[in-house]
N, C-alpha and C. Protein backbone atom coordinates (compact mmCIF):
# COMPACT_ATOMS: atom_id res chain seq x y z
N MET A 1 14.12 -28.25 38.75
CA MET A 1 13.79 -27.87 40.39
C MET A 1 12.71 -28.54 40.64
N ARG A 2 11.53 -28.91 39.31
CA ARG A 2 10.69 -29.65 39.84
C ARG A 2 10.30 -31.39 39.95
N GLU A 3 11.09 -31.59 39.58
CA GLU A 3 11.97 -33.15 39.85
C GLU A 3 11.85 -33.59 40.96
N GLY A 4 13.00 -32.66 41.49
CA GLY A 4 13.51 -32.46 42.73
C GLY A 4 12.70 -32.65 44.12
N VAL A 5 11.61 -32.08 43.91
CA VAL A 5 10.25 -31.56 44.86
C VAL A 5 9.33 -32.74 44.67
N GLU A 6 9.24 -33.08 43.69
CA GLU A 6 8.29 -33.98 43.31
C GLU A 6 8.78 -35.53 43.88
N ARG A 7 10.35 -35.66 43.70
CA ARG A 7 10.98 -37.15 44.23
C ARG A 7 10.95 -36.98 45.91
N TRP A 8 11.11 -36.11 46.33
CA TRP A 8 11.35 -35.62 47.54
C TRP A 8 9.78 -35.95 48.27
N LEU A 9 8.71 -35.46 48.03
CA LEU A 9 7.85 -35.59 48.11
C LEU A 9 7.08 -37.01 48.12
N THR A 10 7.21 -37.66 47.08
CA THR A 10 6.84 -39.35 46.62
C THR A 10 7.52 -39.90 48.01
N HIS A 11 9.09 -39.39 47.84
CA HIS A 11 10.12 -40.72 48.90
C HIS A 11 9.25 -40.19 50.48
N GLU A 12 8.67 -39.44 50.55
CA GLU A 12 8.22 -38.92 52.24
C GLU A 12 7.27 -39.28 52.03
N GLY A 13 5.89 -39.94 51.13
CA GLY A 13 4.66 -40.06 50.84
C GLY A 13 3.52 -39.40 51.18
N HIS A 14 4.00 -38.04 50.55
CA HIS A 14 3.03 -36.97 50.35
C HIS A 14 1.92 -37.07 49.17
N SER A 15 0.89 -36.84 49.13
CA SER A 15 0.10 -37.03 47.93
C SER A 15 -0.13 -35.72 47.90
N PHE A 16 0.11 -35.27 46.27
CA PHE A 16 0.30 -34.24 45.37
C PHE A 16 -0.24 -33.93 44.35
N GLU A 17 -0.32 -32.77 43.95
CA GLU A 17 -1.20 -32.77 42.26
C GLU A 17 -0.62 -31.76 41.90
N GLU A 18 -0.73 -31.54 40.32
CA GLU A 18 -0.26 -29.99 39.72
C GLU A 18 -1.26 -29.63 39.45
N ILE A 19 -1.09 -27.99 40.10
CA ILE A 19 -2.13 -26.86 39.65
C ILE A 19 -1.81 -26.33 38.22
N LYS A 20 -1.79 -25.48 37.36
CA LYS A 20 -1.93 -24.85 36.24
C LYS A 20 -1.85 -23.43 36.76
N ASN A 21 -0.65 -22.89 36.34
CA ASN A 21 -1.26 -21.15 36.67
C ASN A 21 -0.05 -20.83 35.98
N THR A 22 -0.27 -20.28 34.90
CA THR A 22 0.56 -19.49 33.75
C THR A 22 1.45 -18.40 34.32
N GLU A 23 1.89 -18.25 35.77
CA GLU A 23 2.56 -17.15 36.10
C GLU A 23 3.43 -17.93 36.80
N ASN A 24 3.75 -19.64 36.58
CA ASN A 24 4.76 -20.22 37.34
C ASN A 24 5.39 -21.27 36.42
N THR A 25 6.58 -21.34 36.54
CA THR A 25 7.08 -23.00 35.66
C THR A 25 6.69 -23.97 36.71
N PHE A 26 6.44 -24.22 37.48
CA PHE A 26 5.30 -25.39 38.02
C PHE A 26 4.71 -25.04 39.38
N GLN A 27 3.69 -25.87 39.69
CA GLN A 27 2.94 -25.48 40.88
C GLN A 27 2.74 -26.52 41.54
N ILE A 28 2.56 -27.22 42.45
CA ILE A 28 2.54 -27.92 43.19
C ILE A 28 1.67 -27.91 44.27
N LEU A 29 0.53 -28.91 44.61
CA LEU A 29 -0.63 -28.88 46.01
C LEU A 29 -0.25 -29.78 46.55
N VAL A 30 0.19 -29.80 47.46
CA VAL A 30 0.37 -31.13 48.85
C VAL A 30 -0.75 -30.95 49.60
N LYS A 31 -1.46 -32.19 49.64
CA LYS A 31 -2.63 -32.16 50.35
C LYS A 31 -2.79 -32.43 51.52
N HIS A 32 -1.78 -32.63 52.82
CA HIS A 32 -1.56 -32.41 53.71
C HIS A 32 0.19 -32.36 54.07
N ALA A 33 -0.16 -31.10 54.85
CA ALA A 33 1.61 -30.63 55.35
C ALA A 33 1.83 -30.59 56.39
N GLY A 34 3.26 -30.43 56.49
CA GLY A 34 3.65 -29.83 57.76
C GLY A 34 2.79 -30.29 58.75
N LYS A 35 3.41 -30.10 59.97
CA LYS A 35 2.76 -30.71 61.48
C LYS A 35 0.88 -30.49 62.05
N TYR A 36 0.69 -29.78 60.81
CA TYR A 36 -0.91 -29.57 61.46
C TYR A 36 -1.80 -29.87 59.93
N GLY A 37 -1.05 -30.56 58.79
CA GLY A 37 -1.44 -31.51 57.99
C GLY A 37 -2.49 -30.56 57.34
N ILE A 38 -1.92 -29.28 56.45
CA ILE A 38 -3.00 -28.36 55.64
C ILE A 38 -2.31 -28.44 54.26
N PRO A 39 -3.34 -28.03 53.29
CA PRO A 39 -2.78 -28.44 51.70
C PRO A 39 -1.83 -26.86 51.80
N THR A 40 -0.61 -27.17 51.19
CA THR A 40 0.22 -26.01 51.04
C THR A 40 0.63 -26.56 49.25
N GLU A 41 0.89 -25.42 48.75
CA GLU A 41 1.43 -25.31 47.57
C GLU A 41 2.63 -24.51 47.60
N ILE A 42 3.49 -25.50 46.33
CA ILE A 42 5.24 -24.79 46.40
C ILE A 42 5.15 -24.98 45.05
N PHE A 43 6.14 -23.82 44.58
CA PHE A 43 6.01 -23.66 43.28
C PHE A 43 7.47 -22.19 42.76
N GLU A 44 7.47 -22.61 41.72
CA GLU A 44 8.83 -21.57 41.00
C GLU A 44 8.14 -20.47 39.90
N PRO A 45 7.79 -19.11 40.82
CA PRO A 45 7.26 -18.12 40.07
C PRO A 45 8.39 -17.97 38.61
N LYS A 46 7.79 -17.75 37.52
CA LYS A 46 8.86 -17.46 36.14
C LYS A 46 9.23 -16.10 36.39
N THR A 47 8.65 -15.58 37.02
CA THR A 47 9.77 -13.90 36.92
C THR A 47 11.08 -14.28 37.88
N GLN A 48 11.19 -15.43 38.64
CA GLN A 48 12.12 -15.58 39.76
C GLN A 48 12.77 -17.00 39.74
N LEU A 49 13.28 -17.49 38.21
CA LEU A 49 13.87 -18.90 38.17
C LEU A 49 14.65 -19.03 39.18
N GLY A 50 14.34 -20.38 39.78
CA GLY A 50 15.34 -20.73 40.98
C GLY A 50 15.04 -20.29 42.38
N ILE A 51 13.90 -19.48 42.28
CA ILE A 51 13.40 -19.18 43.79
C ILE A 51 12.13 -20.42 44.13
N LEU A 52 12.18 -21.01 45.46
CA LEU A 52 10.90 -22.02 45.62
C LEU A 52 10.52 -21.68 46.45
N VAL A 53 9.24 -21.08 45.89
CA VAL A 53 8.20 -20.39 47.43
C VAL A 53 7.03 -21.69 47.93
N ILE A 54 6.87 -21.55 48.77
CA ILE A 54 6.27 -22.35 49.70
C ILE A 54 4.74 -22.28 50.40
N GLY A 55 3.69 -22.02 50.28
CA GLY A 55 2.41 -21.50 50.91
C GLY A 55 1.19 -21.99 50.92
N ALA A 56 0.58 -21.67 51.92
CA ALA A 56 -0.89 -22.16 52.39
C ALA A 56 -1.63 -21.01 52.55
N LYS A 57 -2.96 -21.44 52.28
CA LYS A 57 -4.07 -19.81 52.58
C LYS A 57 -5.17 -20.29 53.87
N VAL A 58 -4.93 -19.37 54.50
CA VAL A 58 -5.79 -19.23 55.72
C VAL A 58 -7.13 -18.50 55.17
N ILE A 59 -8.12 -19.60 54.78
CA ILE A 59 -9.36 -19.42 54.38
C ILE A 59 -10.37 -18.39 55.60
N MET A 60 -10.73 -17.29 55.07
CA MET A 60 -11.75 -16.56 56.46
C MET A 60 -13.18 -17.09 56.25
N LYS A 61 -13.84 -17.15 57.57
CA LYS A 61 -14.89 -18.11 58.15
C LYS A 61 -15.92 -16.99 56.90
N ASN A 62 -16.98 -17.84 57.05
CA ASN A 62 -18.37 -16.77 55.88
C ASN A 62 -18.46 -15.49 56.76
N ASN A 63 -18.34 -15.59 57.92
CA ASN A 63 -19.27 -14.35 59.15
C ASN A 63 -17.93 -13.36 58.55
N GLN A 64 -16.71 -13.44 58.58
CA GLN A 64 -15.59 -13.15 58.68
C GLN A 64 -15.74 -11.86 57.67
N ILE A 65 -15.96 -13.12 56.34
CA ILE A 65 -15.63 -12.02 54.79
C ILE A 65 -16.73 -11.50 54.70
N ALA A 66 -18.37 -11.68 55.39
CA ALA A 66 -19.40 -10.43 54.84
C ALA A 66 -18.96 -9.36 56.13
N ARG A 67 -18.12 -9.92 57.23
CA ARG A 67 -18.08 -8.32 57.87
C ARG A 67 -17.03 -7.65 57.03
N TYR A 68 -15.73 -8.23 56.58
CA TYR A 68 -14.87 -7.67 55.87
C TYR A 68 -15.54 -6.83 54.68
N LEU A 69 -15.90 -7.88 53.85
CA LEU A 69 -17.09 -7.27 52.86
C LEU A 69 -17.76 -5.51 53.16
N GLY A 70 -17.73 -5.77 54.10
CA GLY A 70 -19.21 -4.78 54.41
C GLY A 70 -18.18 -3.46 55.12
N PHE A 71 -16.83 -3.48 55.05
CA PHE A 71 -15.98 -2.31 55.43
C PHE A 71 -16.00 -1.29 54.26
N ASN A 72 -15.77 -0.49 54.66
CA ASN A 72 -15.28 0.82 54.07
C ASN A 72 -13.66 0.70 53.12
N GLU A 73 -13.15 1.28 52.43
CA GLU A 73 -11.47 0.94 52.28
C GLU A 73 -10.76 1.44 53.22
N LYS A 74 -11.33 2.33 54.10
CA LYS A 74 -10.37 2.93 55.21
C LYS A 74 -10.20 1.73 56.21
N GLU A 75 -11.42 0.99 56.59
CA GLU A 75 -11.86 0.25 57.55
C GLU A 75 -11.01 -1.09 56.90
N LYS A 76 -11.02 -1.36 55.51
CA LYS A 76 -10.12 -2.70 55.22
C LYS A 76 -9.00 -2.56 54.93
N GLY A 77 -8.80 -1.32 55.05
CA GLY A 77 -6.78 -0.83 54.97
C GLY A 77 -6.51 -1.02 56.38
N ILE A 78 -7.31 -0.74 57.14
CA ILE A 78 -6.70 -1.01 58.74
C ILE A 78 -6.68 -2.48 58.92
N PHE A 79 -7.73 -2.96 58.49
CA PHE A 79 -7.51 -4.95 59.23
C PHE A 79 -6.59 -5.19 58.42
N GLU A 80 -6.24 -5.08 56.69
CA GLU A 80 -5.39 -5.56 56.19
C GLU A 80 -3.74 -5.45 56.78
N LYS A 81 -3.54 -3.84 57.53
CA LYS A 81 -2.57 -3.68 58.46
C LYS A 81 -2.34 -4.39 59.53
N LYS A 82 -3.37 -4.66 60.17
CA LYS A 82 -3.20 -5.87 61.61
C LYS A 82 -3.13 -6.99 60.92
N ILE A 83 -3.24 -7.58 59.83
CA ILE A 83 -3.26 -8.63 59.30
C ILE A 83 -1.49 -8.45 58.85
N VAL A 84 -0.67 -7.52 58.38
CA VAL A 84 0.46 -7.48 57.64
C VAL A 84 1.65 -7.48 58.91
N ASP A 85 0.68 -6.88 59.93
CA ASP A 85 1.61 -6.53 61.25
C ASP A 85 1.87 -7.73 61.90
N PHE A 86 0.83 -8.89 61.67
CA PHE A 86 1.34 -9.99 62.65
C PHE A 86 1.78 -11.15 61.94
N CYS A 87 1.88 -10.52 60.38
CA CYS A 87 2.41 -11.37 59.47
C CYS A 87 3.89 -11.46 60.04
N ASN A 88 4.29 -10.38 59.56
CA ASN A 88 5.65 -9.19 60.14
C ASN A 88 6.56 -10.20 61.51
N SER A 89 5.27 -9.94 62.40
CA SER A 89 5.73 -10.94 63.65
C SER A 89 6.25 -11.79 63.73
N ILE A 90 5.46 -13.01 62.75
CA ILE A 90 6.42 -13.94 63.26
C ILE A 90 7.25 -14.64 61.65
N HIS A 91 7.23 -13.64 61.19
CA HIS A 91 8.06 -13.54 60.11
C HIS A 91 7.62 -14.52 58.73
N ALA A 92 6.10 -14.20 58.14
CA ALA A 92 5.44 -14.71 57.26
C ALA A 92 5.56 -13.78 56.47
N ILE A 93 5.62 -13.89 54.81
CA ILE A 93 5.43 -13.50 54.05
C ILE A 93 4.01 -13.37 53.47
N ASN A 94 2.90 -12.35 53.75
CA ASN A 94 1.40 -12.35 53.15
C ASN A 94 0.92 -11.85 52.02
N LYS A 95 -0.40 -12.25 51.79
CA LYS A 95 -0.80 -11.46 50.88
C LYS A 95 -2.70 -11.41 50.93
N MET A 96 -3.52 -10.86 50.79
CA MET A 96 -4.47 -10.91 50.53
C MET A 96 -5.01 -11.76 49.20
N ILE A 97 -5.85 -12.12 49.56
CA ILE A 97 -6.24 -12.86 48.07
C ILE A 97 -7.94 -13.28 48.10
N THR A 98 -8.49 -12.70 46.73
CA THR A 98 -9.91 -13.49 46.88
C THR A 98 -10.01 -14.34 45.93
N GLU A 99 -10.34 -15.50 45.97
CA GLU A 99 -10.51 -16.31 45.32
C GLU A 99 -11.81 -17.53 45.53
N ASP A 100 -12.22 -17.83 44.35
CA ASP A 100 -13.75 -19.09 44.37
C ASP A 100 -14.26 -18.14 45.05
N GLY A 101 -14.33 -16.73 45.24
CA GLY A 101 -15.38 -15.75 45.79
C GLY A 101 -14.98 -15.97 47.63
N LYS A 102 -13.81 -16.69 47.98
CA LYS A 102 -13.39 -16.22 49.25
C LYS A 102 -12.67 -15.15 49.51
N GLN A 103 -12.22 -14.79 50.63
CA GLN A 103 -11.43 -14.14 50.84
C GLN A 103 -10.19 -15.00 52.09
N LYS A 104 -8.97 -14.63 51.33
CA LYS A 104 -7.97 -16.22 52.00
C LYS A 104 -6.79 -14.74 51.92
N ILE A 105 -5.94 -15.14 53.05
CA ILE A 105 -4.67 -15.02 53.46
C ILE A 105 -3.83 -15.96 53.25
N GLY A 106 -2.76 -15.30 51.92
CA GLY A 106 -1.92 -16.46 51.60
C GLY A 106 -0.39 -15.76 52.49
N ILE A 107 -0.01 -17.19 53.03
CA ILE A 107 1.52 -17.28 53.80
C ILE A 107 2.28 -18.11 53.47
N TYR A 108 3.15 -17.14 53.41
CA TYR A 108 4.44 -17.98 52.19
C TYR A 108 5.81 -18.04 53.06
N CYS A 109 7.02 -18.85 52.28
CA CYS A 109 8.17 -18.92 53.04
C CYS A 109 9.00 -19.59 51.71
N VAL A 110 9.74 -18.46 51.57
CA VAL A 110 10.58 -17.86 50.28
C VAL A 110 11.72 -18.35 50.27
N LEU A 111 12.35 -19.74 49.43
CA LEU A 111 13.60 -20.35 49.54
C LEU A 111 14.18 -19.69 48.33
N ASP A 112 15.70 -18.97 48.63
CA ASP A 112 16.04 -18.19 47.31
C ASP A 112 17.94 -18.46 47.13
N ASP A 113 17.96 -19.45 47.76
CA ASP A 113 19.95 -20.12 47.81
C ASP A 113 19.42 -21.10 47.46
N LYS A 114 19.89 -20.99 45.89
CA LYS A 114 19.67 -22.95 45.06
C LYS A 114 20.57 -23.29 45.77
N GLU A 115 21.53 -22.83 45.83
CA GLU A 115 22.53 -24.35 46.44
C GLU A 115 21.80 -25.00 47.39
N ASN A 116 21.26 -24.42 48.30
CA ASN A 116 20.98 -25.03 49.42
C ASN A 116 19.58 -25.46 49.86
N ILE A 117 18.90 -25.32 48.10
CA ILE A 117 17.22 -26.20 48.37
C ILE A 117 17.32 -27.46 48.43
N ASN A 118 16.98 -28.02 49.28
CA ASN A 118 17.41 -29.69 48.97
C ASN A 118 16.06 -30.34 49.84
N GLN A 119 15.99 -31.43 50.11
CA GLN A 119 14.97 -32.10 50.55
C GLN A 119 14.64 -31.37 52.18
N GLN A 120 15.82 -31.41 53.12
CA GLN A 120 15.32 -30.90 54.05
C GLN A 120 14.79 -29.70 54.46
N THR A 121 15.59 -28.38 53.50
CA THR A 121 14.99 -27.29 53.44
C THR A 121 13.69 -27.10 53.37
N VAL A 122 13.09 -27.59 52.40
CA VAL A 122 11.79 -27.89 51.46
C VAL A 122 10.50 -28.47 52.56
N PHE A 123 11.08 -29.17 53.82
CA PHE A 123 10.46 -30.08 54.59
C PHE A 123 9.99 -28.88 55.73
N ASP A 124 11.48 -28.34 56.07
CA ASP A 124 11.58 -27.75 57.40
C ASP A 124 10.38 -26.23 56.76
N ALA A 125 10.62 -25.94 55.38
CA ALA A 125 9.76 -24.70 54.96
C ALA A 125 8.23 -25.02 55.42
N MET A 126 7.94 -26.53 54.94
CA MET A 126 6.76 -26.67 54.61
C MET A 126 6.17 -26.95 56.28
N ASP A 127 6.91 -27.21 57.11
CA ASP A 127 6.74 -27.32 58.61
C ASP A 127 6.63 -25.86 58.88
N LYS A 128 7.15 -25.20 58.61
CA LYS A 128 6.86 -23.30 59.09
C LYS A 128 5.95 -22.47 58.74
N VAL A 129 5.74 -23.16 57.31
CA VAL A 129 4.39 -22.33 56.43
C VAL A 129 3.33 -23.22 57.16
N SER A 130 3.38 -24.18 58.05
CA SER A 130 2.20 -25.02 58.33
C SER A 130 1.91 -24.08 60.03
N GLU A 131 3.02 -24.09 60.52
CA GLU A 131 2.87 -23.21 61.75
C GLU A 131 2.22 -22.20 61.80
N MET A 132 2.94 -21.26 60.90
CA MET A 132 2.52 -19.64 60.50
C MET A 132 0.79 -19.69 60.34
N HIS A 133 0.76 -20.51 59.30
CA HIS A 133 -1.11 -20.79 59.04
C HIS A 133 -1.75 -21.07 60.39
N GLU A 134 -0.99 -21.66 60.76
CA GLU A 134 -1.98 -22.18 62.32
C GLU A 134 -2.38 -20.68 63.23
N LYS A 135 -0.88 -20.22 63.24
CA LYS A 135 -0.87 -18.94 64.18
C LYS A 135 -1.68 -18.05 63.43
N THR A 136 -1.91 -17.73 61.94
CA THR A 136 -2.53 -16.28 61.37
C THR A 136 -3.68 -16.68 61.80
N ALA A 137 -4.52 -18.45 61.61
CA ALA A 137 -5.70 -18.83 61.85
C ALA A 137 -6.45 -18.29 63.58
N ARG A 138 -5.36 -18.40 64.07
CA ARG A 138 -5.90 -18.13 65.55
C ARG A 138 -5.89 -16.91 66.18
N PHE A 139 -5.20 -16.09 65.05
CA PHE A 139 -5.06 -14.72 65.30
C PHE A 139 -6.44 -14.12 64.60
N LEU A 140 -6.84 -14.39 63.41
CA LEU A 140 -8.11 -14.04 63.14
C LEU A 140 -9.08 -14.38 63.95
N MET A 141 -9.08 -15.55 64.27
CA MET A 141 -10.52 -16.02 65.27
C MET A 141 -10.51 -15.05 66.31
N LYS A 142 -9.32 -14.84 66.60
CA LYS A 142 -9.17 -13.67 68.26
C LYS A 142 -9.94 -12.34 68.02
N THR A 143 -9.40 -11.73 66.63
CA THR A 143 -8.99 -10.11 66.32
C THR A 143 -10.32 -9.81 65.61
N PHE A 144 -11.03 -10.53 64.71
CA PHE A 144 -11.84 -10.21 63.76
C PHE A 144 -12.96 -11.53 64.01
């Protein structure tokens, strides 16, 4: 699967780099993907061979991180539920992540029909993730 993804990205002129992650058979970071040109990750989890995950991370602003870290567990739960509810409304799989000292919201699209994973479905998913990333970033700015 990796060779196909790399070939498609090269064919379309996207710059990308490999990311080392022991949880995935491969992981690629596309520097500018989708219609909003955001960094997007493409990977195949070792626990789910034949599944392709395409995702992006919405990085919370410093003032948002400070506010979030000041929350008690109940307040964090309420905030995270708001994020989950919003992401469900736009059909995005999401995950709260702490990475590099930053709080992030991972937005993902899963391609699980191995026979139908091709160049078009991958690029459609990259566009979808780009759009969901943008909507989530706007939601975060408005509500938090």
